[in-house]
Protein backbone atom coordinates (compact mmCIF):
# COMPACT_ATOMS: atom_id res chain seq x y z
CA MET A 1 -25.47 0.32 -18.98
CA ARG A 2 -25.33 -0.03 -15.20
CA LEU A 3 -22.27 -1.93 -14.00
CA PHE A 4 -21.51 -3.32 -10.53
CA LEU A 5 -17.78 -3.24 -9.74
CA TYR A 6 -16.70 -5.46 -6.85
CA GLY A 7 -12.94 -5.77 -7.40
CA SER A 8 -9.90 -3.67 -8.19
CA LEU A 9 -11.80 -1.38 -10.58
CA ARG A 10 -13.40 0.18 -7.51
CA ASP A 11 -10.15 2.17 -7.30
CA PRO A 12 -10.93 5.55 -8.95
CA ALA A 13 -7.46 5.95 -10.49
CA LEU A 14 -7.58 2.47 -12.03
CA LEU A 15 -11.14 2.92 -13.31
CA ALA A 16 -10.24 6.25 -14.92
CA THR A 17 -7.14 4.73 -16.52
CA VAL A 18 -9.14 1.91 -18.06
CA THR A 19 -12.23 3.84 -19.23
CA GLY A 20 -10.45 7.07 -20.14
CA ARG A 21 -12.38 9.15 -17.58
CA LEU A 22 -13.87 8.75 -14.11
CA PRO A 23 -17.54 7.87 -14.73
CA PRO A 24 -20.28 8.59 -12.17
CA ALA A 25 -20.25 5.94 -9.43
CA ARG A 26 -21.75 5.43 -5.99
CA PRO A 27 -21.42 2.81 -3.24
CA ALA A 28 -23.60 -0.27 -3.60
CA GLN A 29 -24.08 -3.67 -1.99
CA LEU A 30 -24.87 -7.03 -3.52
CA ALA A 31 -26.48 -9.58 -1.21
CA GLY A 32 -25.90 -13.30 -1.52
CA HIS A 33 -22.39 -13.03 -3.00
CA VAL A 34 -18.79 -13.16 -1.74
CA VAL A 35 -15.53 -11.97 -3.35
CA LEU A 36 -12.65 -14.44 -3.18
CA THR A 37 -9.04 -14.22 -4.29
CA ALA A 38 -8.81 -16.34 -7.43
CA VAL A 39 -5.34 -17.85 -7.92
CA ASN A 40 -4.22 -19.61 -11.09
CA ARG A 41 -2.82 -23.13 -10.88
CA ALA A 42 0.77 -21.89 -11.13
CA GLY A 43 0.19 -19.52 -8.21
CA THR A 44 1.60 -16.58 -10.19
CA GLU A 45 -1.55 -14.50 -10.69
CA ALA A 46 -4.42 -13.50 -8.44
CA PHE A 47 -7.64 -11.61 -9.11
CA PRO A 48 -10.88 -10.90 -7.25
CA MET A 49 -13.63 -13.35 -8.22
CA ILE A 50 -17.29 -13.10 -7.21
CA LEU A 51 -19.33 -16.19 -6.34
CA PRO A 52 -22.80 -16.79 -4.89
CA GLU A 53 -22.83 -17.40 -1.12
CA HIS A 54 -25.95 -17.39 1.04
CA GLY A 55 -25.96 -14.69 3.70
CA ALA A 56 -22.89 -12.86 2.41
CA VAL A 57 -22.89 -9.19 1.34
CA THR A 58 -20.42 -7.73 -1.16
CA GLU A 59 -19.43 -4.07 -1.10
CA GLY A 60 -18.85 -2.36 -4.43
CA LEU A 61 -19.67 0.49 -6.76
CA LEU A 62 -22.62 1.06 -9.06
CA VAL A 63 -21.33 2.77 -12.20
CA GLU A 64 -23.86 4.42 -14.49
CA GLY A 65 -23.73 6.34 -17.75
CA LEU A 66 -20.98 4.27 -19.39
CA THR A 67 -20.71 4.72 -23.13
CA ALA A 68 -20.35 1.86 -25.60
CA ALA A 69 -16.70 2.80 -26.11
CA GLU A 70 -16.05 2.72 -22.36
CA ILE A 71 -17.70 -0.68 -22.04
CA ASP A 72 -15.46 -1.89 -24.86
CA ARG A 73 -12.37 -0.62 -23.05
CA LEU A 74 -13.51 -2.40 -19.88
CA ARG A 75 -13.99 -5.65 -21.82
CA PHE A 76 -10.47 -5.25 -23.24
CA TYR A 77 -8.98 -4.78 -19.77
CA GLU A 78 -10.97 -7.59 -18.15
CA ALA A 79 -9.55 -10.29 -20.43
CA GLY A 80 -10.55 -13.68 -19.04
CA PHE A 81 -13.78 -12.29 -17.58
CA THR A 82 -17.14 -11.87 -19.32
CA LEU A 83 -19.85 -9.25 -19.00
CA ASP A 84 -22.51 -11.54 -20.42
CA GLY A 85 -25.10 -13.41 -18.36
CA ALA A 86 -28.00 -12.53 -16.12
CA PRO A 87 -27.80 -9.17 -14.31
CA VAL A 88 -27.75 -8.97 -10.53
CA THR A 89 -30.09 -6.95 -8.32
CA LEU A 90 -28.61 -4.32 -6.02
CA GLU A 91 -30.49 -2.84 -3.10
CA MET A 92 -30.18 0.94 -3.47
CA PRO A 93 -31.83 3.79 -1.50
CA GLU A 94 -34.29 4.33 -4.37
CA GLY A 95 -35.11 0.62 -4.51
CA PRO A 96 -33.84 -2.47 -6.38
CA VAL A 97 -31.52 -1.73 -9.32
CA GLN A 98 -30.31 -4.27 -11.86
CA ALA A 99 -26.72 -4.16 -13.02
CA ALA A 100 -24.25 -6.26 -15.00
CA LEU A 101 -20.94 -7.49 -13.63
CA PHE A 102 -17.79 -9.21 -14.85
CA ARG A 103 -17.70 -12.94 -14.15
CA PRO A 104 -14.63 -15.20 -14.51
CA GLN A 105 -14.65 -17.38 -17.63
CA ASP A 106 -12.07 -19.96 -16.56
CA PRO A 107 -13.49 -22.49 -14.05
CA GLY A 108 -9.92 -23.55 -13.18
CA TRP A 109 -9.29 -20.78 -10.68
CA ILE A 110 -8.35 -21.85 -7.16
CA SER A 111 -9.72 -19.96 -4.18
CA GLY A 112 -7.07 -18.18 -2.16
CA GLY A 113 -9.44 -16.98 0.55
CA LEU A 114 -11.41 -13.77 0.97
CA TRP A 115 -10.35 -10.80 -1.15
CA ASP A 116 -10.01 -7.45 0.62
CA PHE A 117 -10.14 -4.19 -1.34
CA ALA A 118 -8.22 -2.16 1.26
CA ASP A 119 -5.40 -4.71 1.40
CA TRP A 120 -5.25 -4.85 -2.41
CA ARG A 121 -5.17 -1.09 -2.70
CA ALA A 122 -2.34 -0.72 -0.18
CA ARG A 123 -0.17 -3.36 -1.86
CA TRP A 124 -1.17 -3.26 -5.51
CA GLY A 125 -3.02 0.02 -6.15
CA GLU A 126 -0.32 2.26 -7.60
CA THR A 127 1.41 -0.66 -9.33
CA SER A 128 -1.82 -1.76 -11.01
CA VAL A 129 -2.58 1.75 -12.24
CA ALA A 130 0.88 2.01 -13.80
CA ALA A 131 0.50 -1.46 -15.37
CA ALA A 132 -2.97 -0.57 -16.65
CA ARG A 133 -1.62 2.47 -18.50
CA ALA A 134 0.76 0.23 -20.45
CA PHE A 135 -1.96 -2.39 -20.92
CA MET A 136 -4.49 0.09 -22.30
CA ALA A 137 -1.86 1.53 -24.66
CA GLU A 138 -2.45 -1.65 -26.69
CA TYR A 139 -6.17 -0.95 -27.02
CA GLY A 140 -7.23 -0.57 -30.63
CA LEU A 141 -3.91 -1.84 -32.02
CA GLU A 142 -3.69 -4.93 -34.22
CA GLY A 143 -2.94 -7.91 -31.98
CA GLY A 144 -3.10 -5.62 -28.96
CA ALA A 145 -5.46 -7.75 -26.85
CA GLU A 146 -3.34 -10.89 -27.18
CA ARG A 147 -0.10 -8.99 -26.68
CA ALA A 148 -1.37 -7.12 -23.60
CA ALA A 149 -2.79 -10.26 -21.97
CA ARG A 150 0.43 -12.18 -22.60
CA ARG A 151 2.51 -9.43 -21.00
CA TRP A 152 0.30 -8.66 -17.99
CA THR A 153 2.63 -10.21 -15.40
CA GLN A 154 5.58 -8.32 -16.85
CA LEU A 155 3.54 -5.12 -16.96
CA LEU A 156 2.98 -5.47 -13.22
CA VAL A 157 6.75 -5.88 -12.77
CA ARG A 158 7.24 -2.70 -14.76
CA GLY A 159 4.46 -0.94 -12.87
CA GLY A 160 6.18 -1.68 -9.58
CA ALA A 161 9.43 -0.33 -10.98
CA GLU A 162 7.67 2.87 -12.05
CA VAL A 163 6.25 3.36 -8.56
CA ARG A 164 9.65 2.83 -6.91
CA ALA A 165 11.26 5.20 -9.44
CA ARG A 166 9.15 8.04 -8.02
CA GLU A 167 11.07 7.84 -4.75
CA THR A 168 13.06 11.00 -4.23
CA ALA A 169 16.80 10.51 -4.78
CA PRO A 170 19.48 13.03 -3.73
CA VAL A 171 20.08 15.91 -6.15
CA THR A 172 23.17 17.69 -4.84
CA LEU A 173 25.56 17.55 -7.79
CA ARG A 174 23.46 16.58 -10.77
CA ARG A 175 20.84 18.69 -12.50
CA ALA A 176 17.25 18.59 -11.18
CA GLN A 177 14.58 18.00 -13.81
CA GLY A 178 12.29 20.93 -14.47
CA ALA A 179 9.00 21.33 -16.27
CA ASP A 180 9.17 20.65 -20.01
CA ASP A 181 12.81 19.50 -19.82
CA ILE A 182 11.98 16.33 -21.78
CA ARG A 183 9.75 16.27 -24.87
CA ILE A 184 8.68 12.97 -26.38
CA GLY A 185 7.55 13.20 -29.98
CA ARG A 186 6.98 9.52 -30.70
CA LEU A 187 7.05 6.24 -28.78
CA SER A 188 6.92 2.82 -30.42
CA ARG A 189 7.47 -0.76 -29.23
CA PRO A 190 9.10 -2.75 -32.04
CA TYR A 191 9.40 -5.72 -29.67
CA ALA A 192 7.21 -6.61 -26.70
CA ASN A 193 7.18 -10.03 -25.06
CA TYR A 194 8.42 -10.84 -21.56
CA PHE A 195 10.82 -7.94 -22.00
CA ALA A 196 10.25 -5.01 -24.36
CA VAL A 197 12.21 -2.66 -26.56
CA GLU A 198 10.87 0.90 -26.64
CA GLU A 199 11.99 3.42 -29.23
CA TYR A 200 11.68 7.15 -28.58
CA ASP A 201 12.01 10.25 -30.73
CA LEU A 202 12.70 12.87 -28.08
CA SER A 203 14.60 15.99 -27.10
CA TRP A 204 15.87 17.19 -23.73
CA ARG A 205 17.09 20.37 -22.07
CA ARG A 206 20.79 20.98 -22.71
CA PHE A 207 23.11 22.42 -20.07
CA ASP A 208 23.13 25.74 -21.97
CA GLY A 209 19.35 25.98 -21.48
CA ALA A 210 18.33 25.24 -25.08
CA MET A 211 16.48 22.10 -26.16
CA SER A 212 18.48 19.45 -27.99
CA ARG A 213 17.63 18.39 -31.52
CA GLU A 214 15.19 15.49 -31.66
CA ALA A 215 17.10 12.22 -31.32
CA ASN A 216 16.16 8.57 -31.65
CA ARG A 217 16.89 6.37 -28.63
CA ALA A 218 16.01 2.73 -27.93
CA VAL A 219 15.61 1.27 -24.43
CA PHE A 220 15.51 -2.37 -23.32
CA VAL A 221 12.79 -2.48 -20.63
CA SER A 222 13.03 -5.29 -18.08
CA GLY A 223 11.87 -4.02 -14.68
CA ASP A 224 13.79 -3.89 -11.39
CA ALA A 225 15.79 -6.73 -9.83
CA VAL A 226 17.28 -7.76 -6.49
CA ILE A 227 20.80 -9.11 -6.04
CA VAL A 228 21.51 -11.00 -2.80
CA LEU A 229 24.86 -12.23 -1.48
CA PRO A 230 24.40 -14.63 1.49
CA TYR A 231 27.22 -14.38 4.04
CA ASP A 232 27.89 -16.43 7.19
CA PRO A 233 30.07 -14.28 9.50
CA VAL A 234 30.76 -17.17 11.89
CA ARG A 235 32.10 -19.51 9.20
CA ASP A 236 33.34 -16.53 7.13
CA ARG A 237 31.95 -17.93 3.91
CA VAL A 238 29.65 -16.86 1.09
CA HIS A 239 27.03 -18.63 -1.00
CA LEU A 240 27.35 -18.32 -4.78
CA ILE A 241 25.43 -19.86 -7.65
CA GLU A 242 26.37 -20.98 -11.15
CA GLN A 243 24.14 -21.12 -14.22
CA PHE A 244 24.09 -20.85 -18.00
CA ARG A 245 23.59 -17.28 -19.26
CA VAL A 246 22.32 -16.56 -22.75
CA GLY A 247 23.77 -13.03 -22.72
CA ALA A 248 27.28 -14.41 -22.34
CA MET A 249 26.60 -16.98 -25.06
CA ALA A 250 25.27 -14.32 -27.45
CA ARG A 251 28.45 -12.28 -26.90
CA GLY A 252 30.50 -15.31 -27.94
CA ASP A 253 31.86 -16.06 -24.47
CA ALA A 254 33.76 -19.36 -24.50
CA GLU A 255 32.45 -20.06 -20.96
CA PRO A 256 28.77 -19.00 -20.71
CA TRP A 257 28.24 -20.74 -17.34
CA LEU A 258 28.76 -17.81 -14.96
CA VAL A 259 29.51 -17.58 -11.25
CA GLU A 260 26.90 -15.23 -9.79
CA THR A 261 24.83 -14.69 -6.70
CA ILE A 262 21.11 -14.99 -6.04
CA ALA A 263 19.09 -12.56 -8.15
CA GLY A 264 15.67 -12.09 -9.70
CA ARG A 265 12.96 -9.72 -10.83
CA ILE A 266 10.85 -7.85 -8.27
CA ASP A 267 7.26 -8.91 -8.90
CA GLY A 268 4.44 -6.40 -9.07
CA GLY A 269 3.12 -5.59 -5.58
CA GLU A 270 6.34 -6.93 -4.00
CA SER A 271 9.00 -4.99 -2.11
CA PRO A 272 12.71 -5.49 -2.88
CA GLU A 273 13.17 -7.14 0.52
CA GLU A 274 10.33 -9.58 -0.12
CA ALA A 275 11.78 -10.40 -3.51
CA ALA A 276 15.20 -11.03 -1.98
CA ARG A 277 13.79 -13.55 0.50
CA ARG A 278 11.67 -15.25 -2.17
CA GLU A 279 14.56 -15.59 -4.62
CA ALA A 280 16.84 -17.00 -1.91
CA ALA A 281 14.27 -19.71 -1.17
CA GLU A 282 13.62 -20.49 -4.86
CA GLU A 283 17.20 -20.55 -6.11
CA ALA A 284 19.06 -21.94 -3.11
CA GLY A 285 16.58 -23.09 -0.46
CA LEU A 286 17.95 -20.47 1.94
CA THR A 287 16.07 -18.64 4.69
CA LEU A 288 17.54 -15.18 5.19
CA THR A 289 17.65 -13.75 8.70
CA ARG A 290 19.03 -10.26 8.09
CA LEU A 291 19.25 -8.10 4.99
CA LEU A 292 21.76 -5.28 4.70
CA ARG A 293 21.00 -2.99 1.79
CA GLY A 294 23.95 -1.93 -0.31
CA PRO A 295 24.18 0.51 -3.22
CA SER A 296 21.21 0.61 -5.60
CA CYS A 297 21.92 1.53 -9.18
CA TYR A 298 21.09 1.38 -12.87
CA ALA A 299 22.87 -1.45 -14.67
CA SER A 300 23.53 0.50 -17.90
CA PRO A 301 21.21 3.53 -18.15
CA GLY A 302 22.26 4.44 -21.67
CA ALA A 303 20.23 1.52 -23.00
CA LEU A 304 18.61 -0.40 -20.10
CA SER A 305 15.79 0.61 -17.76
CA GLU A 306 16.84 -2.09 -15.26
CA TYR A 307 17.48 -0.90 -11.70
CA LEU A 308 19.29 -3.12 -9.20
CA TYR A 309 18.80 -3.41 -5.44
CA HIS A 310 21.85 -5.02 -3.79
CA TYR A 311 21.80 -6.84 -0.45
CA VAL A 312 24.22 -8.71 1.75
CA ALA A 313 22.21 -11.34 3.64
CA VAL A 314 23.47 -12.59 6.99
CA CYS A 315 22.54 -16.26 7.31
CA ASP A 316 23.69 -19.71 8.34
CA LEU A 317 25.71 -21.49 5.62
CA PRO A 318 26.58 -25.06 6.62
CA ASP A 319 28.04 -27.48 4.07
CA ALA A 320 24.59 -29.00 3.47
CA VAL A 321 23.28 -25.93 1.60
CA VAL A 322 25.18 -26.82 -1.59
CA GLY A 323 23.28 -28.57 -4.39
CA THR A 324 21.06 -27.64 -7.32
CA GLY A 325 17.90 -25.54 -7.43
CA GLY A 326 15.76 -23.14 -9.43
CA LEU A 327 12.18 -23.13 -10.69
CA GLU A 328 11.43 -25.88 -13.18
CA ALA A 329 8.63 -23.77 -14.70
CA GLU A 330 11.24 -21.16 -15.66
CA GLU A 331 13.79 -23.71 -16.91
CA GLU A 332 16.21 -22.69 -14.18
CA ASP A 333 19.15 -25.02 -13.59
CA ILE A 334 21.24 -23.60 -10.74
CA ARG A 335 24.20 -25.07 -8.89
CA SER A 336 25.19 -23.72 -5.46
CA HIS A 337 28.70 -23.17 -4.12
CA VAL A 338 29.76 -22.30 -0.56
CA LEU A 339 33.21 -20.70 -0.48
CA PRO A 340 35.52 -19.20 2.16
CA PHE A 341 35.70 -15.43 1.87
CA ALA A 342 39.37 -15.61 0.85
CA ARG A 343 38.53 -17.95 -2.07
CA PHE A 344 35.73 -15.57 -3.05
CA MET A 345 38.23 -12.72 -3.32
CA GLU A 346 40.58 -14.91 -5.40
CA LEU A 347 37.80 -15.49 -7.94
CA LEU A 348 37.15 -11.76 -8.06
CA ASP A 349 40.84 -10.97 -8.62
CA SER A 350 41.28 -13.66 -11.29
CA GLY A 351 38.29 -12.47 -13.31
CA GLU A 352 36.31 -15.71 -12.98
CA ILE A 353 33.68 -13.58 -11.27
CA ASP A 354 32.90 -11.13 -14.05
CA ASN A 355 29.30 -9.91 -13.63
CA ALA A 356 28.77 -6.39 -12.29
CA PRO A 357 26.20 -7.08 -9.53
CA LEU A 358 28.43 -9.64 -7.81
CA VAL A 359 31.49 -7.40 -8.19
CA ILE A 360 29.57 -4.60 -6.45
CA LEU A 361 28.44 -6.89 -3.64
CA ALA A 362 31.94 -8.34 -3.18
CA MET A 363 33.26 -4.84 -2.54
CA TRP A 364 30.29 -4.01 -0.31
CA LEU A 365 30.81 -7.16 1.77
CA ASP A 366 34.54 -6.46 2.03
CA ARG A 367 33.58 -3.14 3.61
CA LEU A 368 30.99 -4.66 5.99
CA ARG A 369 32.85 -7.86 6.89
CA PRO A 370 34.90 -6.56 9.88
CA GLN A 371 31.74 -5.19 11.52
CA LEU A 372 29.73 -8.39 10.86
CA ARG A 373 32.53 -10.58 12.20
CA ALA A 374 32.83 -8.39 15.30
CA GLU A 375 29.07 -8.56 15.90
CA ALA A 376 29.37 -12.37 15.74
CA GLY A 377 32.04 -12.27 18.47
CA LEU A 378 34.92 -12.97 16.07
CA ALA A 379 38.03 -10.95 15.25
């Protein structure tokens, strides 16, 4: 089968991840068509979508020599798109060539403007390849197609976390990982929904140089998150939020409404700074002017993959910013509080503030506060 690829599968790494190899491909053009960004009605997902348009020319790849198994893998990955229908005619150096292409099934997509491959690749390329590896791991498994499609947004979140995890961190005291220092014998996912639980049978290099015995370890996989503490240095006050937390309830906490600060998952293709500004707008209606990055850390690396990016956000906090907020689609019910810094410290000392990210940011702000007040012209 000849296949014309006009969207993200033009990326060689993504195509190889989906098909299992990099098939022969060459540049091609399709006249009379345009590629738009298709956005779902909730505005949470976007894909390239091809539509007829007189006078337009679409750049893409002509892929030849695909096996039946590779076509099946492509169909699995392109859930929501179909390969059926009339082929298109490409103008190639040797003359007209007919090829199939994936067309969107759902007519409910909303156009988000022209789609640009270079822009997509810069923002989403590595994240999408990482997400596609997890997506294609479901191929051939019972219920895999439904499970993978349901988790795609979360797989992008995880893919972004995987890309950020490749950033080089200091290794001055701790041991540097060497080749073959970790051996994974088996990986299973006994639970996979929005979050996932992964279970490993693995061994690792001991400090005496020998490999450990194979051990079983389970990890709760949730992606990376941003934590943002808004601070007004002129008024010397902070913005906090309050909401019901199921983790506290499940522990048996008598008071599962917790005092926290703005936080949220970093979406796939999004930077931590972008996520911080988005979450501030969603949860509290705040526009952040300056972000000061604090310590980044694992929440509990013995069992959680979650990595936290902490920020103090310098912003204007008048009395009018208090109220309720959150995304209705996510059943968020959030109440805002604006407190003097001294009252903030009282809550920390009394234990009413008892979640680790806010404790970290309270200490970070206490360290930064004299400088921020001085920059604002205050003692």
